[in-house]
Amino acid sequence: MYLLDQSRLSEASSDELRDMDAQVVDLEKRIKVEDANLKNLMTELKELNSSLTTEEAKAEVETVRMCLSFSFLVTLGKLLVNLIQKFLENSHIKRNFLHRAQSIRDAL
């Protein structure tokens, strides 16, 4: 075991000790600030990890877009069938056509 003989070291003056104490206080403040920054960054990281990636978000948007398009087409199809029905009801075209239009609408 090695022991250092401290009697050979020079003593620090009161001014040097005061300066060192001030440095310690300053460093402790910096540590608190950095701890707060780290805590904020960890919270942000946690939020980012639980959110969708860009690719996942794009896939979700595309899925919604496809659903809306399909829904629009179904609605448009129903409207067209209804218009055909109205036309057929008001004309002298065969009832067979009217029956077919009803079958198509029911299928949608």
Protein backbone atom coordinates (compact mmCIF):
# COMPACT_ATOMS: atom_id res chain seq x y z
CA MET A 1 0.00 0.00 0.00
CA TYR A 2 1.27 3.45 -0.89
CA LEU A 3 0.61 6.51 1.26
CA LEU A 4 1.33 10.03 0.11
CA ASP A 5 3.21 12.22 2.56
CA GLN A 6 1.02 15.31 2.48
CA SER A 7 3.53 17.36 4.47
CA ARG A 8 5.50 17.78 1.25
CA LEU A 9 2.51 19.30 -0.63
CA SER A 10 2.07 23.03 -0.68
CA GLU A 11 -0.92 24.45 1.14
CA ALA A 12 -3.64 26.26 -0.79
CA SER A 13 -4.27 29.85 0.15
CA SER A 14 -7.66 31.09 1.35
CA ASP A 15 -8.21 32.77 -2.04
CA GLU A 16 -7.47 29.54 -3.89
CA LEU A 17 -9.87 27.61 -1.65
CA ARG A 18 -12.57 30.28 -2.18
CA ASP A 19 -12.03 30.04 -5.96
CA MET A 20 -12.25 26.26 -5.82
CA ASP A 21 -15.46 26.47 -3.75
CA ALA A 22 -16.93 28.86 -6.32
CA GLN A 23 -15.94 26.46 -9.12
CA VAL A 24 -17.60 23.58 -7.25
CA VAL A 25 -20.82 25.60 -6.86
CA ASP A 26 -20.74 26.55 -10.55
CA LEU A 27 -20.14 22.95 -11.59
CA GLU A 28 -23.00 21.75 -9.36
CA LYS A 29 -25.33 24.27 -11.05
CA ARG A 30 -24.20 23.07 -14.47
CA ILE A 31 -24.84 19.47 -13.44
CA LYS A 32 -28.40 20.36 -12.37
CA VAL A 33 -29.03 22.09 -15.70
CA GLU A 34 -27.63 19.15 -17.66
CA ASP A 35 -29.66 16.70 -15.55
CA ALA A 36 -32.81 18.66 -16.43
CA ASN A 37 -31.82 18.66 -20.12
CA LEU A 38 -31.19 14.93 -19.99
CA LYS A 39 -34.56 14.33 -18.35
CA ASN A 40 -36.29 16.37 -21.10
CA LEU A 41 -34.41 14.49 -23.81
CA MET A 42 -35.32 11.14 -22.26
CA THR A 43 -39.00 12.17 -22.19
CA GLU A 44 -38.81 13.25 -25.82
CA LEU A 45 -37.10 9.98 -26.77
CA LYS A 46 -39.82 8.01 -25.00
CA GLU A 47 -42.48 9.93 -26.97
CA LEU A 48 -40.65 9.38 -30.25
CA ASN A 49 -40.27 5.67 -29.58
CA SER A 50 -44.01 5.33 -28.98
CA SER A 51 -45.05 7.30 -32.08
CA LEU A 52 -45.34 6.07 -35.65
CA THR A 53 -42.34 6.06 -37.91
CA THR A 54 -42.55 8.01 -41.16
CA GLU A 55 -43.08 4.78 -43.10
CA GLU A 56 -45.83 3.63 -40.70
CA ALA A 57 -47.55 7.01 -40.95
CA LYS A 58 -47.39 6.90 -44.77
CA ALA A 59 -48.90 3.41 -44.71
CA GLU A 60 -51.71 4.62 -42.42
CA VAL A 61 -52.43 7.58 -44.71
CA GLU A 62 -52.52 5.29 -47.74
CA THR A 63 -54.89 2.90 -45.95
CA VAL A 64 -57.25 5.75 -45.05
CA ARG A 65 -57.03 7.11 -48.60
CA MET A 66 -57.93 3.70 -50.03
CA CYS A 67 -60.85 3.31 -47.62
CA LEU A 68 -62.17 6.75 -48.52
CA SER A 69 -61.81 6.00 -52.23
CA PHE A 70 -63.65 2.71 -51.84
CA SER A 71 -66.37 4.35 -49.78
CA PHE A 72 -66.72 7.08 -52.39
CA LEU A 73 -66.99 4.52 -55.19
CA VAL A 74 -69.62 2.52 -53.30
CA THR A 75 -71.63 5.68 -52.65
CA LEU A 76 -71.29 6.73 -56.27
CA GLY A 77 -72.38 3.27 -57.40
CA LYS A 78 -75.46 3.41 -55.19
CA LEU A 79 -76.34 6.84 -56.54
CA LEU A 80 -76.00 5.61 -60.11
CA VAL A 81 -78.20 2.59 -59.40
CA ASN A 82 -80.81 4.88 -57.83
CA LEU A 83 -80.70 7.18 -60.87
CA ILE A 84 -81.11 4.22 -63.20
CA GLN A 85 -84.03 3.00 -61.11
CA LYS A 86 -85.71 6.40 -61.28
CA PHE A 87 -85.15 6.51 -65.00
CA LEU A 88 -86.56 3.02 -65.44
CA GLU A 89 -89.55 3.75 -63.23
CA ASN A 90 -90.39 6.76 -65.36
CA SER A 91 -89.92 5.10 -68.73
CA HIS A 92 -91.39 2.20 -70.66
CA ILE A 93 -88.20 0.08 -70.54
CA LYS A 94 -88.62 -3.54 -69.53
CA ARG A 95 -89.01 -4.37 -65.83
CA ASN A 96 -86.18 -6.89 -66.16
CA PHE A 97 -83.71 -4.03 -66.26
CA LEU A 98 -85.22 -2.59 -63.07
CA HIS A 99 -84.83 -5.95 -61.36
CA ARG A 100 -81.15 -6.11 -62.38
CA ALA A 101 -80.50 -2.61 -61.04
CA GLN A 102 -82.08 -3.61 -57.72
CA SER A 103 -79.82 -6.70 -57.55
CA ILE A 104 -76.72 -4.58 -58.18
CA ARG A 105 -77.70 -2.07 -55.50
CA ASP A 106 -78.34 -4.83 -52.98
CA ALA A 107 -74.94 -6.31 -53.77
CA LEU A 108 -73.24 -3.01 -52.92
